[in-house]
Amino acid sequence: MKKFLSEFVGSIEYKNVSGTDLSKIEVDSLVFDSRAVKAGSLFFALPGTHTTGNRFIASAIKNGAVAVVYEGEITDDENKSIEESMAGREVAFLKVKSSRFAMSPMSACFYDYPSKKLVVYGVTGTEGKSSTVAFIWQLLRLSGFKAGFISTVQYSLGGEAIANPEHQTTPEATIVQRELYEMLENGCTHAVVESSSHGLSEKTNRLGDVLFDCGAFMNVTLEHLEFHGTYEQYKSDKANLFRTLDKHEHRKSIAGKETVVPAVGIVNLEDPAAVYFADCTANKVIGFTTEGKAGKHAVESGAVELPAVPSGIPVVSAKNIVSTSTGISFDLTVGGKSVSVKAPVPGAFNAYNIMTAIISVNETTGKSIEELAAACQKLESVKGRMTVVDEGQPFEVIVDYAHTPSSFETIFPPVKNRCKGKIISVFGSGGERDTKKRPLQGKIAAEYCDYVILANEDPRGEDEMALLRDIAAGSIEGGKVEGKDLFLIPDRPTAIRKAFTLAGKDDIVLLLGKSHENSIIFKDHIMPYDEISEAKKALGELK
C-alpha cells in the first residue's frame, strides 16, 4: 500500500509545521515504534508513561521516515538531533492535538476504510472476550464464510489461527486497520475483533474508526482502574462499542456487493450493567442468560435473583447445563423453542460464550440456530482457556487465564462442584496494575481452594514478595495459614512443582493468570515462559 500524504491527511486536524508539499510525500507504512521505521514510513510520535515520543523523532528520520505526526513541543536538543538526522532530506512535520488519537482516522483512510467492506463483530467484557471471539470466528468458518479475527491469544487474516506474540489485547490503530485490510485482500467478508476497554477508550482511540455491525457485552467488573480511573469510566469506555453501532448506516460493500448488514447488540442479562449497555444503542438488542446456573452461581441451589430484563429485549437462555473436563452441553431456548448444544470445550461458563457466538452469527448471516448449534460440536477451545494438561498423572491440571476476582468467581464454583478431592490453585497478580483486586483474589481463592500458592504473574517494577503479600492478606482473612495451606513462592516454576507435590488422586490443580502468555515481565528483564510447557515439564519430573 502506497499513498501520497495529501490523500489521507484530510481525515485529521493538523498544522503543517514544515510547510512541505504533502502531495509529494509518498508513504508506504504507518509506524509508531521508531525501531520499526523504514524508508517511506510515516512515524507517529506517541506520548508515553515515562517519556515522550518526540525524543525518538530523530531516530525515526534516520531510519527513513518521510513524515512525522507529533504533539506538544519539540525541545531545542530534539530539534538539533532532528536536523542532523534529516541530512538535507525533505520530511513532513504534522502537529496535532493528540498523535495517538490521530492514528485511527489516518490509518483507516490510508487503508481505504476496510471495515466498510467487512461485516465486523466486536466483543467486550472483563472476561470471556477471547473465547467468544474464537467461537464466533469458528462458527462463521463452519458456516461457509471466510473470516478473520484479532484477539489476545491468536489472530487470523483469513487463514488458520496464528499465536499472538504480544500481551496487548487490542493492537494500536495502525495494526488494527492494516490487519482488517489484509483480511480483505485475502478474501474475507467477516471480521471479529476483541474489543478491550483500552482499545475502545477515546484516550487510545485504537478502535475509533472501526465500523462495527455486531457488539457483544459479556460482563464488566473491577479491573484496569489504573487506566480508566473509576468503574463508571471503565464501563462507559466499554460501552463505546454499542455507541459505535449508531454511528453508521450499516450499508457495506461486501465482496463488491452493496449489502445492508443487520446491526445488533448482545448483552449478558446476568450482569447489572446490561441495561446500561442496551441503552447505549438504538439498534436491536438481544439478551442472553444461563438463569444463574453457570459461573459464580454454579454450585448454589434455589432461585437466583437476576437483574431485570430491559423492556422489549428478546431473551435467549441456556438450561440444563452439564460441564465435564472434556466438554459442555446445554439446551438453548429461543422464542419458546429449545435446541440441544454440545461442544467439546470444558467449563460451565462457556455457555455464555457459545450462546453469544450463536446469536451473533445467526443475527448477521441468517444461518439458523439449529445449524449453528450442530456446528458447535466442532468448536475448539482457545489455548490457555480451561486447557487440560494430561501427562498420565493421577490428578487433573487445568491452565486458565483467570486473573480477576470475577473470573475466579466464575471458574472456581463449577470446578469445586465436580471435584472429588482437593483443589490447589497457583496464581499471582500483575504489577503496576489495579491493586484493589489483590486481596479479593486471595479471599475468593481461600473460599474455594484447599491450598493457595501465590507466584509471580508479571511483577514489573514492584517488589514481588510485597505484591504477593497483598494477595495473601485476603487469603488469610479467608482462613488460610501461611506455611500450612497458603504458600508464597515467587518463582513460578517452583510454585507449580510445589502444587504438584501437594496433589493426589482426584485432586484438581488450577494454574491461573499466565495462560497463553509467552513471558513473565520483571523490572529489568523479560523472562521467556510458557505455562503449559512448564506444567508438562514439571509433571514429567514426577515420573
Protein backbone atom coordinates (compact mmCIF):
# COMPACT_ATOMS: atom_id res chain seq x y z
CA MET A 1 0.00 0.00 0.00
CA LYS A 2 1.38 3.39 -1.03
CA LYS A 3 -0.27 6.78 -0.83
CA PHE A 4 0.73 10.40 -1.01
CA LEU A 5 0.31 12.08 2.35
CA SER A 6 -2.21 14.54 0.92
CA GLU A 7 -4.55 11.63 0.11
CA PHE A 8 -5.17 10.62 3.72
CA VAL A 9 -4.14 13.51 5.95
CA GLY A 10 -7.51 15.19 5.40
CA SER A 11 -9.01 12.80 7.96
CA ILE A 12 -7.47 14.82 10.84
CA GLU A 13 -6.92 18.39 12.01
CA TYR A 14 -3.24 19.32 11.81
CA LYS A 15 -0.70 22.08 11.31
CA ASN A 16 1.87 21.57 8.56
CA VAL A 17 4.79 22.88 10.60
CA SER A 18 7.40 22.13 7.93
CA GLY A 19 5.39 23.73 5.09
CA THR A 20 6.16 20.66 2.98
CA ASP A 21 4.10 19.90 -0.15
CA LEU A 22 2.17 16.88 1.15
CA SER A 23 1.20 15.81 -2.37
CA LYS A 24 4.86 14.93 -2.98
CA ILE A 25 5.43 12.87 0.18
CA GLU A 26 4.77 9.20 -0.63
CA VAL A 27 4.08 6.96 2.37
CA ASP A 28 4.13 3.17 2.30
CA SER A 29 3.79 2.27 6.00
CA LEU A 30 2.44 3.71 9.26
CA VAL A 31 4.65 3.13 12.29
CA PHE A 32 4.60 4.18 15.97
CA ASP A 33 7.86 2.46 17.03
CA SER A 34 10.96 4.26 15.72
CA ARG A 35 12.83 0.95 15.65
CA ALA A 36 10.38 -0.41 13.07
CA VAL A 37 10.65 2.60 10.77
CA LYS A 38 12.00 2.05 7.27
CA ALA A 39 12.31 4.13 4.13
CA GLY A 40 8.89 5.58 3.28
CA SER A 41 7.36 5.28 6.76
CA LEU A 42 5.15 7.82 8.48
CA PHE A 43 6.12 7.93 12.15
CA PHE A 44 3.62 8.69 14.93
CA ALA A 45 5.45 10.12 17.95
CA LEU A 46 3.28 8.88 20.82
CA PRO A 47 3.29 10.12 24.41
CA GLY A 48 4.45 7.51 26.93
CA THR A 49 4.15 6.93 30.65
CA HIS A 50 7.76 7.81 31.37
CA THR A 51 8.85 9.66 28.22
CA THR A 52 7.63 11.40 25.06
CA GLY A 53 7.66 10.09 21.51
CA ASN A 54 9.25 13.34 20.36
CA ARG A 55 12.56 12.03 21.72
CA PHE A 56 12.52 9.34 19.03
CA ILE A 57 11.73 11.52 16.00
CA ALA A 58 15.39 11.91 15.07
CA SER A 59 15.90 8.14 15.24
CA ALA A 60 12.81 7.56 13.07
CA ILE A 61 14.04 10.02 10.44
CA LYS A 62 17.48 8.41 10.47
CA ASN A 63 15.76 5.07 9.76
CA GLY A 64 13.95 6.54 6.74
CA ALA A 65 10.75 8.24 7.95
CA VAL A 66 9.39 10.71 5.37
CA ALA A 67 6.68 12.18 7.62
CA VAL A 68 6.16 12.69 11.35
CA VAL A 69 2.94 13.22 13.30
CA TYR A 70 3.60 14.64 16.75
CA GLU A 71 2.05 16.59 19.61
CA GLY A 72 3.34 19.10 22.14
CA GLU A 73 6.59 21.00 21.78
CA ILE A 74 9.91 19.75 20.42
CA THR A 75 12.84 20.81 22.61
CA ASP A 76 15.94 22.58 21.30
CA ASP A 77 18.05 19.45 21.84
CA GLU A 78 15.47 17.33 19.99
CA ASN A 79 15.38 19.87 17.15
CA LYS A 80 19.16 19.73 16.83
CA SER A 81 19.12 15.94 16.61
CA ILE A 82 16.29 16.06 14.07
CA GLU A 83 18.15 18.49 11.81
CA GLU A 84 21.24 16.29 11.92
CA SER A 85 19.22 13.16 11.09
CA MET A 86 17.47 14.79 8.12
CA ALA A 87 20.78 15.42 6.32
CA GLY A 88 19.08 17.62 3.73
CA ARG A 89 16.11 15.27 3.12
CA GLU A 90 12.59 16.65 2.93
CA VAL A 91 10.41 15.41 5.81
CA ALA A 92 6.83 16.48 6.56
CA PHE A 93 6.06 17.51 10.15
CA LEU A 94 2.38 17.50 11.16
CA LYS A 95 1.50 18.83 14.59
CA VAL A 96 -1.76 17.54 16.09
CA LYS A 97 -3.62 17.80 19.37
CA SER A 98 -3.14 14.06 20.06
CA SER A 99 -0.87 11.92 17.93
CA ARG A 100 -2.33 8.72 19.39
CA PHE A 101 -5.91 9.80 18.61
CA ALA A 102 -4.89 10.83 15.07
CA MET A 103 -3.55 7.34 14.32
CA SER A 104 -7.04 5.87 13.97
CA PRO A 105 -8.61 8.12 11.30
CA MET A 106 -5.31 8.36 9.39
CA SER A 107 -4.86 4.57 9.44
CA ALA A 108 -8.45 3.92 8.35
CA CYS A 109 -8.11 6.39 5.47
CA PHE A 110 -4.66 5.08 4.47
CA TYR A 111 -6.07 1.54 4.18
CA ASP A 112 -9.23 2.69 2.34
CA TYR A 113 -11.60 2.12 5.28
CA PRO A 114 -11.52 -1.71 5.31
CA SER A 115 -14.34 -2.03 7.87
CA LYS A 116 -16.71 -0.52 5.26
CA LYS A 117 -16.23 -3.74 3.28
CA LEU A 118 -16.47 -6.29 6.10
CA VAL A 119 -19.17 -7.49 8.48
CA VAL A 120 -17.45 -6.61 11.76
CA TYR A 121 -18.13 -8.13 15.19
CA GLY A 122 -16.83 -6.62 18.43
CA VAL A 123 -16.74 -8.45 21.76
CA THR A 124 -16.09 -6.60 25.01
CA GLY A 125 -16.12 -7.61 28.68
CA THR A 126 -13.79 -8.17 31.60
CA GLU A 127 -13.85 -11.93 30.96
CA GLY A 128 -14.83 -14.19 28.09
CA LYS A 129 -13.69 -12.00 25.19
CA SER A 130 -11.03 -14.23 23.66
CA SER A 131 -13.10 -17.43 23.75
CA THR A 132 -16.19 -15.70 22.39
CA VAL A 133 -14.20 -14.11 19.55
CA ALA A 134 -12.73 -17.51 18.69
CA PHE A 135 -16.15 -19.21 18.75
CA ILE A 136 -17.73 -16.55 16.50
CA TRP A 137 -14.84 -16.93 14.06
CA GLN A 138 -15.09 -20.71 14.10
CA LEU A 139 -18.87 -20.71 13.58
CA LEU A 140 -18.51 -18.29 10.66
CA ARG A 141 -15.97 -20.59 9.01
CA LEU A 142 -18.04 -23.68 9.76
CA SER A 143 -20.98 -21.88 8.10
CA GLY A 144 -19.04 -21.28 4.89
CA PHE A 145 -17.89 -17.68 5.40
CA LYS A 146 -14.28 -16.58 5.02
CA ALA A 147 -13.41 -14.70 8.18
CA GLY A 148 -10.52 -13.27 10.12
CA PHE A 149 -10.15 -12.24 13.74
CA ILE A 150 -7.96 -10.28 16.15
CA SER A 151 -7.66 -11.34 19.80
CA THR A 152 -5.40 -11.63 22.82
CA VAL A 153 -4.43 -15.24 22.23
CA GLN A 154 -4.46 -15.65 18.45
CA TYR A 155 -5.36 -13.91 15.22
CA SER A 156 -6.21 -14.84 11.65
CA LEU A 157 -6.01 -12.76 8.49
CA GLY A 158 -8.13 -15.28 6.61
CA GLY A 159 -6.15 -18.46 7.11
CA GLU A 160 -5.65 -20.66 10.14
CA ALA A 161 -5.23 -19.08 13.57
CA ILE A 162 -1.75 -17.84 14.49
CA ALA A 163 -0.44 -17.29 18.03
CA ASN A 164 -0.38 -13.64 19.10
CA PRO A 165 3.11 -12.91 20.48
CA GLU A 166 2.04 -9.69 22.22
CA HIS A 167 0.46 -9.14 25.66
CA GLN A 168 -1.82 -6.49 24.14
CA THR A 169 -5.48 -7.44 23.64
CA THR A 170 -6.43 -4.76 21.11
CA PRO A 171 -3.47 -3.60 18.97
CA GLU A 172 -2.82 0.04 18.11
CA ALA A 173 -4.98 1.54 15.35
CA THR A 174 -2.28 1.22 12.68
CA ILE A 175 -2.18 -2.56 13.23
CA VAL A 176 -5.96 -3.00 13.53
CA GLN A 177 -6.63 -1.18 10.26
CA ARG A 178 -3.75 -2.95 8.46
CA GLU A 179 -4.95 -6.36 9.57
CA LEU A 180 -8.54 -5.61 8.52
CA TYR A 181 -7.15 -4.53 5.14
CA GLU A 182 -5.13 -7.75 4.85
CA MET A 183 -8.24 -9.78 5.69
CA LEU A 184 -9.98 -8.08 2.76
CA GLU A 185 -7.04 -8.74 0.47
CA ASN A 186 -7.22 -12.41 1.47
CA GLY A 187 -10.89 -12.61 0.50
CA CYS A 188 -12.54 -12.27 3.92
CA THR A 189 -16.09 -10.99 4.21
CA HIS A 190 -16.31 -11.10 8.02
CA ALA A 191 -14.01 -9.98 10.84
CA VAL A 192 -14.16 -10.44 14.61
CA VAL A 193 -12.31 -8.00 16.87
CA GLU A 194 -11.65 -8.49 20.58
CA SER A 195 -12.51 -5.05 21.90
CA SER A 196 -10.78 -4.19 25.16
CA SER A 197 -11.67 -1.21 27.30
CA HIS A 198 -8.28 0.27 26.42
CA GLY A 199 -8.98 -0.16 22.72
CA LEU A 200 -12.44 1.38 23.00
CA SER A 201 -11.32 4.32 25.14
CA GLU A 202 -11.04 7.71 23.44
CA LYS A 203 -7.67 8.04 25.19
CA THR A 204 -6.16 5.50 22.79
CA ASN A 205 -8.80 5.57 20.01
CA ARG A 206 -7.50 2.22 18.71
CA LEU A 207 -10.97 1.18 17.53
CA GLY A 208 -12.36 4.66 16.92
CA ASP A 209 -12.70 4.17 13.16
CA VAL A 210 -13.81 0.54 13.02
CA LEU A 211 -17.42 0.31 11.80
CA PHE A 212 -18.88 -2.46 13.96
CA ASP A 213 -22.11 -4.20 12.98
CA CYS A 214 -22.47 -6.50 15.97
CA GLY A 215 -21.45 -5.63 19.52
CA ALA A 216 -21.42 -8.20 22.33
CA PHE A 217 -21.17 -7.34 26.02
CA MET A 218 -20.06 -10.21 28.27
CA ASN A 219 -19.61 -8.57 31.70
CA VAL A 220 -17.94 -5.66 33.46
CA THR A 221 -16.22 -5.93 36.83
CA LEU A 222 -13.42 -4.32 38.81
CA GLU A 223 -10.36 -4.14 36.52
CA HIS A 224 -7.94 -1.69 34.87
CA LEU A 225 -8.84 1.18 37.20
CA GLU A 226 -5.20 2.33 36.98
CA PHE A 227 -6.04 3.34 33.39
CA HIS A 228 -9.72 4.31 33.49
CA GLY A 229 -9.73 5.91 36.93
CA THR A 230 -13.22 4.84 38.00
CA TYR A 231 -15.56 1.91 37.49
CA GLU A 232 -18.06 4.22 35.79
CA GLN A 233 -15.45 5.38 33.27
CA TYR A 234 -14.36 1.78 32.69
CA LYS A 235 -17.97 0.82 31.97
CA SER A 236 -18.51 3.84 29.73
CA ASP A 237 -15.37 3.13 27.71
CA LYS A 238 -16.53 -0.44 27.08
CA ALA A 239 -19.98 0.83 26.07
CA ASN A 240 -18.40 2.83 23.23
CA LEU A 241 -18.72 -0.42 21.28
CA PHE A 242 -22.52 -0.11 21.45
CA ARG A 243 -22.48 3.62 20.74
CA THR A 244 -20.49 2.87 17.58
CA LEU A 245 -23.40 0.79 16.26
CA ASP A 246 -25.36 4.03 15.86
CA LYS A 247 -22.62 5.97 14.07
CA HIS A 248 -23.07 4.47 10.60
CA GLU A 249 -25.84 3.09 8.39
CA HIS A 250 -24.50 -0.48 8.10
CA ARG A 251 -24.58 -0.26 4.32
CA LYS A 252 -21.43 -2.04 3.27
CA SER A 253 -19.76 -3.29 0.12
CA ILE A 254 -19.36 -6.98 0.99
CA ALA A 255 -17.47 -8.89 -1.72
CA GLY A 256 -18.19 -5.99 -4.08
CA LYS A 257 -21.94 -6.10 -3.48
CA GLU A 258 -23.78 -3.37 -1.56
CA THR A 259 -25.28 -5.04 1.49
CA VAL A 260 -27.34 -3.85 4.44
CA VAL A 261 -25.93 -5.67 7.46
CA PRO A 262 -28.37 -6.20 10.36
CA ALA A 263 -26.97 -4.28 13.32
CA VAL A 264 -27.36 -5.87 16.73
CA GLY A 265 -26.18 -5.52 20.31
CA ILE A 266 -25.95 -8.59 22.55
CA VAL A 267 -25.91 -8.31 26.35
CA ASN A 268 -25.38 -10.64 29.29
CA LEU A 269 -28.56 -10.21 31.32
CA GLU A 270 -26.88 -11.59 34.43
CA ASP A 271 -24.66 -8.52 34.64
CA PRO A 272 -26.21 -5.45 36.30
CA ALA A 273 -24.67 -3.27 33.56
CA ALA A 274 -26.76 -4.97 30.84
CA VAL A 275 -29.38 -2.20 30.93
CA TYR A 276 -26.67 0.46 30.67
CA PHE A 277 -25.17 -1.16 27.57
CA ALA A 278 -28.57 -1.77 25.96
CA ASP A 279 -29.40 1.92 26.41
CA CYS A 280 -26.24 2.93 24.53
CA THR A 281 -27.67 1.92 21.15
CA ALA A 282 -30.94 2.48 19.31
CA ASN A 283 -30.36 -0.71 17.33
CA LYS A 284 -31.78 -4.13 18.12
CA VAL A 285 -30.53 -5.67 21.39
CA ILE A 286 -30.78 -9.33 22.40
CA GLY A 287 -30.16 -10.62 25.93
CA PHE A 288 -28.70 -13.95 26.98
CA THR A 289 -28.67 -15.76 30.31
CA THR A 290 -27.95 -19.08 31.98
CA GLU A 291 -30.55 -18.06 34.57
CA GLY A 292 -27.80 -18.04 37.17
CA LYS A 293 -26.78 -21.65 36.58
CA ALA A 294 -23.23 -21.03 35.30
CA GLY A 295 -20.29 -19.12 36.65
CA LYS A 296 -20.47 -17.83 40.20
CA HIS A 297 -23.90 -19.37 40.84
CA ALA A 298 -23.00 -22.85 39.56
CA VAL A 299 -22.93 -24.51 42.99
CA GLU A 300 -25.79 -22.57 44.52
CA SER A 301 -29.21 -24.11 44.88
CA GLY A 302 -32.61 -22.49 44.70
CA ALA A 303 -33.65 -19.37 42.85
CA VAL A 304 -31.02 -16.79 41.94
CA GLU A 305 -32.08 -13.18 41.75
CA LEU A 306 -31.05 -11.75 38.40
CA PRO A 307 -31.17 -8.18 37.10
CA ALA A 308 -34.47 -7.18 35.49
CA VAL A 309 -34.67 -7.75 31.74
CA PRO A 310 -34.87 -4.40 29.91
CA SER A 311 -38.26 -3.89 28.29
CA GLY A 312 -38.60 -5.18 24.75
CA ILE A 313 -35.39 -7.22 24.71
CA PRO A 314 -35.79 -10.80 23.45
CA VAL A 315 -34.10 -13.36 25.70
CA VAL A 316 -32.00 -16.39 24.77
CA SER A 317 -31.30 -18.79 27.64
CA ALA A 318 -29.21 -21.85 28.38
CA LYS A 319 -30.75 -24.53 30.58
CA ASN A 320 -29.74 -27.98 31.82
CA ILE A 321 -26.03 -27.12 31.68
CA VAL A 322 -23.73 -30.10 32.12
CA SER A 323 -19.98 -29.50 32.25
CA THR A 324 -17.22 -32.10 32.41
CA SER A 325 -13.45 -31.99 32.00
CA THR A 326 -13.89 -32.65 28.28
CA GLY A 327 -16.88 -30.55 27.25
CA ILE A 328 -20.20 -28.87 27.85
CA SER A 329 -23.83 -29.45 26.88
CA PHE A 330 -26.96 -27.38 27.40
CA ASP A 331 -30.39 -26.66 25.96
CA LEU A 332 -30.58 -23.34 24.13
CA THR A 333 -34.03 -21.77 24.37
CA VAL A 334 -35.02 -19.14 21.79
CA GLY A 335 -38.58 -17.85 21.48
CA GLY A 336 -40.06 -20.89 23.20
CA LYS A 337 -38.09 -23.33 21.03
CA SER A 338 -35.34 -25.47 22.55
CA VAL A 339 -32.22 -26.72 20.72
CA SER A 340 -29.57 -29.05 22.14
CA VAL A 341 -26.00 -27.73 22.09
CA LYS A 342 -22.93 -29.87 22.66
CA ALA A 343 -19.36 -28.63 22.41
CA PRO A 344 -16.00 -30.25 23.26
CA VAL A 345 -14.93 -27.23 25.32
CA PRO A 346 -14.82 -27.55 29.14
CA GLY A 347 -16.11 -25.01 31.63
CA ALA A 348 -19.74 -24.22 32.50
CA PHE A 349 -19.03 -20.53 31.84
CA ASN A 350 -18.55 -21.38 28.16
CA ALA A 351 -22.34 -21.48 27.93
CA TYR A 352 -22.19 -17.66 27.94
CA ASN A 353 -19.51 -17.57 25.24
CA ILE A 354 -21.15 -20.15 22.98
CA MET A 355 -24.59 -18.53 23.27
CA THR A 356 -23.11 -15.18 22.29
CA ALA A 357 -21.37 -16.71 19.28
CA ILE A 358 -24.56 -18.44 18.09
CA ILE A 359 -26.65 -15.27 18.45
CA SER A 360 -24.02 -13.13 16.70
CA VAL A 361 -23.75 -15.35 13.64
CA ASN A 362 -27.49 -16.06 13.48
CA GLU A 363 -28.41 -12.37 13.54
CA THR A 364 -25.86 -11.21 10.97
CA THR A 365 -25.86 -14.09 8.48
CA GLY A 366 -29.30 -15.65 8.71
CA LYS A 367 -27.85 -19.09 9.50
CA SER A 368 -30.40 -20.95 11.60
CA ILE A 369 -29.99 -21.63 15.31
CA GLU A 370 -30.26 -25.35 14.54
CA GLU A 371 -27.39 -25.23 12.01
CA LEU A 372 -25.18 -23.28 14.36
CA ALA A 373 -25.99 -25.50 17.35
CA ALA A 374 -24.96 -28.55 15.33
CA ALA A 375 -21.73 -26.83 14.27
CA CYS A 376 -20.80 -26.31 17.92
CA GLN A 377 -19.76 -29.96 18.08
CA LYS A 378 -16.69 -28.91 16.05
CA LEU A 379 -15.67 -25.95 18.21
CA GLU A 380 -12.15 -25.91 19.63
CA SER A 381 -11.04 -24.36 22.90
CA VAL A 382 -8.65 -21.45 22.91
CA LYS A 383 -5.16 -22.28 24.17
CA GLY A 384 -4.90 -21.48 27.86
CA ARG A 385 -8.66 -21.30 28.41
CA MET A 386 -9.54 -24.24 30.70
CA THR A 387 -6.80 -26.22 28.95
CA VAL A 388 -6.31 -29.67 30.49
CA VAL A 389 -2.69 -30.85 30.79
CA ASP A 390 -2.63 -34.64 30.97
CA GLU A 391 0.70 -36.47 31.24
CA GLY A 392 -0.81 -39.53 32.90
CA GLN A 393 -0.73 -38.08 36.43
CA PRO A 394 -3.42 -39.18 38.96
CA PHE A 395 -4.72 -35.61 39.41
CA GLU A 396 -6.16 -33.07 37.00
CA VAL A 397 -4.20 -30.00 35.84
CA ILE A 398 -6.03 -27.06 34.26
CA VAL A 399 -4.42 -23.93 32.80
CA ASP A 400 -6.63 -20.84 32.54
CA TYR A 401 -6.27 -17.08 32.09
CA ALA A 402 -8.48 -16.19 35.07
CA HIS A 403 -6.81 -13.32 36.92
CA THR A 404 -9.60 -11.14 38.33
CA PRO A 405 -11.96 -11.60 41.29
CA SER A 406 -14.94 -12.01 38.96
CA SER A 407 -13.18 -14.60 36.80
CA PHE A 408 -12.27 -16.51 39.97
CA GLU A 409 -15.95 -16.46 40.97
CA THR A 410 -16.75 -17.81 37.51
CA ILE A 411 -14.34 -20.74 37.30
CA PHE A 412 -13.98 -21.91 40.92
CA PRO A 413 -17.63 -22.89 41.67
CA PRO A 414 -18.14 -25.38 38.80
CA VAL A 415 -14.69 -26.88 39.40
CA LYS A 416 -15.49 -27.33 43.09
CA ASN A 417 -18.87 -28.78 42.17
CA ARG A 418 -17.29 -31.70 40.29
CA CYS A 419 -14.04 -32.11 42.24
CA LYS A 420 -13.89 -35.31 44.32
CA GLY A 421 -10.65 -34.36 46.06
CA LYS A 422 -8.72 -31.20 46.89
CA ILE A 423 -8.43 -28.00 44.82
CA ILE A 424 -4.98 -26.41 44.64
CA SER A 425 -4.53 -23.06 42.92
CA VAL A 426 -1.42 -21.24 41.69
CA PHE A 427 -1.75 -17.59 40.71
CA GLY A 428 -0.45 -14.05 41.19
CA SER A 429 -1.37 -10.53 40.12
CA GLY A 430 0.07 -8.06 37.63
CA GLY A 431 2.46 -5.46 38.98
CA GLU A 432 1.79 -1.76 38.35
CA ARG A 433 -1.87 -2.60 37.79
CA ASP A 434 -5.05 -2.36 39.86
CA THR A 435 -4.07 -3.15 43.46
CA LYS A 436 -7.61 -3.26 44.90
CA LYS A 437 -8.30 -6.63 43.34
CA ARG A 438 -5.39 -8.42 45.02
CA PRO A 439 -6.89 -9.20 48.46
CA LEU A 440 -10.18 -10.04 46.71
CA GLN A 441 -8.37 -12.63 44.59
CA GLY A 442 -6.83 -14.11 47.72
CA LYS A 443 -10.10 -14.24 49.65
CA ILE A 444 -12.07 -15.90 46.82
CA ALA A 445 -9.33 -18.49 46.27
CA ALA A 446 -9.29 -19.24 50.01
CA GLU A 447 -13.03 -19.88 49.93
CA TYR A 448 -12.88 -22.48 47.16
CA CYS A 449 -9.38 -23.96 47.33
CA ASP A 450 -7.79 -26.29 49.87
CA TYR A 451 -4.35 -24.88 49.08
CA VAL A 452 -3.45 -21.44 47.74
CA ILE A 453 0.01 -20.93 46.22
CA LEU A 454 0.94 -17.39 45.22
CA ALA A 455 3.53 -16.86 42.48
CA ASN A 456 4.74 -14.25 40.02
CA GLU A 457 2.46 -13.21 37.19
CA ASP A 458 4.11 -10.06 35.81
CA PRO A 459 5.59 -8.19 38.80
CA ARG A 460 7.06 -5.49 36.54
CA GLY A 461 8.62 -2.78 38.72
CA GLU A 462 7.05 -3.89 42.02
CA ASP A 463 8.68 -5.88 44.81
CA GLU A 464 7.45 -9.42 44.12
CA MET A 465 7.03 -10.50 47.75
CA ALA A 466 5.23 -7.29 48.71
CA LEU A 467 2.85 -7.85 45.80
CA LEU A 468 2.13 -11.44 46.84
CA ARG A 469 1.54 -10.35 50.43
CA ASP A 470 -1.20 -8.01 49.14
CA ILE A 471 -2.96 -11.09 47.78
CA ALA A 472 -2.14 -13.20 50.81
CA ALA A 473 -3.92 -10.71 53.09
CA GLY A 474 -7.21 -11.76 51.51
CA SER A 475 -6.41 -15.47 51.82
CA ILE A 476 -5.50 -15.06 55.49
CA GLU A 477 -8.77 -13.21 56.05
CA GLY A 478 -10.44 -16.19 54.40
CA GLY A 479 -8.91 -18.56 56.94
CA LYS A 480 -5.68 -19.70 55.28
CA VAL A 481 -2.47 -20.00 57.30
CA GLU A 482 0.88 -19.25 55.70
CA GLY A 483 3.09 -22.33 55.65
CA LYS A 484 0.13 -24.66 56.18
CA ASP A 485 -2.34 -24.15 53.31
CA LEU A 486 -1.01 -20.84 51.96
CA PHE A 487 2.40 -20.54 50.31
CA LEU A 488 4.18 -17.53 48.82
CA ILE A 489 6.64 -18.78 46.18
CA PRO A 490 7.54 -16.01 43.70
CA ASP A 491 9.39 -18.27 41.24
CA ARG A 492 6.52 -19.66 39.21
CA PRO A 493 8.13 -22.93 38.05
CA THR A 494 8.95 -23.71 41.71
CA ALA A 495 5.39 -22.83 42.74
CA ILE A 496 3.96 -25.21 40.15
CA ARG A 497 6.15 -28.04 41.44
CA LYS A 498 5.00 -27.32 44.99
CA ALA A 499 1.39 -27.61 43.82
CA PHE A 500 2.08 -30.96 42.17
CA THR A 501 3.72 -32.37 45.31
CA LEU A 502 0.55 -31.50 47.27
CA ALA A 503 -1.77 -33.09 44.70
CA GLY A 504 -3.08 -36.63 44.87
CA LYS A 505 -5.73 -38.82 43.29
CA ASP A 506 -8.93 -36.98 42.27
CA ASP A 507 -7.43 -33.56 43.07
CA ILE A 508 -7.54 -30.61 40.67
CA VAL A 509 -4.64 -28.15 40.25
CA LEU A 510 -5.53 -24.78 38.72
CA LEU A 511 -2.68 -22.78 37.14
CA LEU A 512 -4.14 -19.32 36.66
CA GLY A 513 -3.22 -15.98 35.12
CA LYS A 514 -0.43 -16.73 32.62
CA SER A 515 -2.27 -18.99 30.22
CA HIS A 516 -1.21 -18.26 26.61
CA GLU A 517 1.33 -15.56 27.50
CA ASN A 518 4.91 -16.18 26.49
CA SER A 519 6.84 -14.32 29.18
CA ILE A 520 6.99 -13.02 32.75
CA ILE A 521 7.77 -9.31 32.92
CA PHE A 522 10.17 -8.05 35.59
CA LYS A 523 11.50 -4.54 36.21
CA ASP A 524 14.83 -5.12 34.46
CA HIS A 525 14.21 -8.11 32.19
CA ILE A 526 11.61 -10.26 30.47
CA MET A 527 11.80 -13.99 31.14
CA PRO A 528 10.55 -16.31 28.37
CA TYR A 529 7.86 -18.52 29.84
CA ASP A 530 5.16 -20.94 28.70
CA GLU A 531 2.74 -22.18 31.39
CA ILE A 532 1.60 -25.31 29.57
CA SER A 533 5.15 -26.37 28.66
CA GLU A 534 6.31 -25.72 32.23
CA ALA A 535 3.44 -27.80 33.61
CA LYS A 536 4.28 -30.69 31.28
CA LYS A 537 7.95 -30.47 32.25
CA ALA A 538 7.10 -30.50 35.96
CA LEU A 539 4.72 -33.45 35.55
CA GLY A 540 7.44 -35.34 33.70
CA GLU A 541 9.75 -34.89 36.68
CA LEU A 542 7.23 -36.72 38.91
CA LYS A 543 7.65 -39.97 36.98
